[in-house]
Amino acid sequence: MKTTLKIYKVDFEGMWPVGNCLVIAAFNLQQAETIAHATIKHTSIFTVSEIVLNEPQVIIYLSGDY
């Protein structure tokens, strides 16, 4: 059986004044959390949640307008 990658978003407080986002492709939530821990170096406080891809939607938008 073929395992499919899922898309996860990570909510965390970035380093001001730059916008921040992290989107991860992983096989499951545990793997996404492991990747997030390895990627985010300035904080260990974040939330990982799956992005459900069942309809057209914007995944990432950073305008730089702050």
Protein backbone atom coordinates (compact mmCIF):
# COMPACT_ATOMS: atom_id res chain seq x y z
CA MET A 1 0.00 0.00 0.00
CA LYS A 2 1.33 3.42 -0.96
CA THR A 3 1.60 5.96 1.89
CA THR A 4 0.71 9.52 1.00
CA LEU A 5 2.39 12.62 2.31
CA LYS A 6 0.18 15.11 4.15
CA ILE A 7 0.61 18.87 4.53
CA TYR A 8 0.97 20.43 7.99
CA LYS A 9 1.10 24.05 9.11
CA VAL A 10 3.08 25.18 12.12
CA ASP A 11 1.87 28.14 14.17
CA PHE A 12 4.65 29.85 16.09
CA GLU A 13 5.75 33.33 17.08
CA GLY A 14 8.43 34.47 14.68
CA MET A 15 11.22 36.96 15.21
CA TRP A 16 9.82 40.47 14.79
CA PRO A 17 9.52 42.34 12.40
CA VAL A 18 9.70 39.60 9.79
CA GLY A 19 6.59 37.57 8.90
CA ASN A 20 6.80 33.87 9.51
CA CYS A 21 5.32 30.61 8.32
CA LEU A 22 6.27 26.96 8.21
CA VAL A 23 4.51 24.36 6.06
CA ILE A 24 5.73 20.78 6.23
CA ALA A 25 5.12 17.70 4.06
CA ALA A 26 5.24 14.57 6.24
CA PHE A 27 3.68 11.14 6.48
CA ASN A 28 2.07 11.82 9.88
CA LEU A 29 1.74 14.38 12.68
CA GLN A 30 4.58 12.90 14.73
CA GLN A 31 7.00 13.22 11.82
CA ALA A 32 5.82 16.79 11.15
CA GLU A 33 6.45 17.71 14.80
CA THR A 34 9.94 16.19 14.63
CA ILE A 35 10.71 18.20 11.48
CA ALA A 36 9.37 21.37 13.12
CA HIS A 37 11.58 20.85 16.20
CA ALA A 38 14.60 20.41 13.92
CA THR A 39 13.72 23.50 11.87
CA ILE A 40 12.61 26.12 14.42
CA LYS A 41 15.65 27.14 16.46
CA HIS A 42 14.49 30.27 18.31
CA THR A 43 11.55 28.72 20.23
CA SER A 44 10.14 25.36 21.20
CA ILE A 45 6.60 26.71 21.53
CA PHE A 46 4.50 25.92 18.48
CA THR A 47 1.43 24.03 17.28
CA VAL A 48 1.38 21.65 14.34
CA SER A 49 -1.90 20.90 12.57
CA GLU A 50 -2.83 19.17 9.34
CA ILE A 51 -4.03 21.23 6.40
CA VAL A 52 -6.98 19.35 4.93
CA LEU A 53 -6.80 19.52 1.16
CA ASN A 54 -10.40 18.87 0.17
CA GLU A 55 -11.13 22.22 -1.49
CA PRO A 56 -9.23 25.05 -3.22
CA GLN A 57 -7.57 27.31 -0.65
CA VAL A 58 -4.65 29.60 0.04
CA ILE A 59 -1.91 27.76 1.91
CA ILE A 60 0.68 30.52 2.42
CA TYR A 61 0.37 34.29 2.07
CA LEU A 62 3.01 36.68 3.39
CA SER A 63 2.62 40.17 1.99
CA GLY A 64 5.40 41.80 3.96
CA ASP A 65 2.92 44.51 5.02
CA TYR A 66 3.40 45.15 8.73
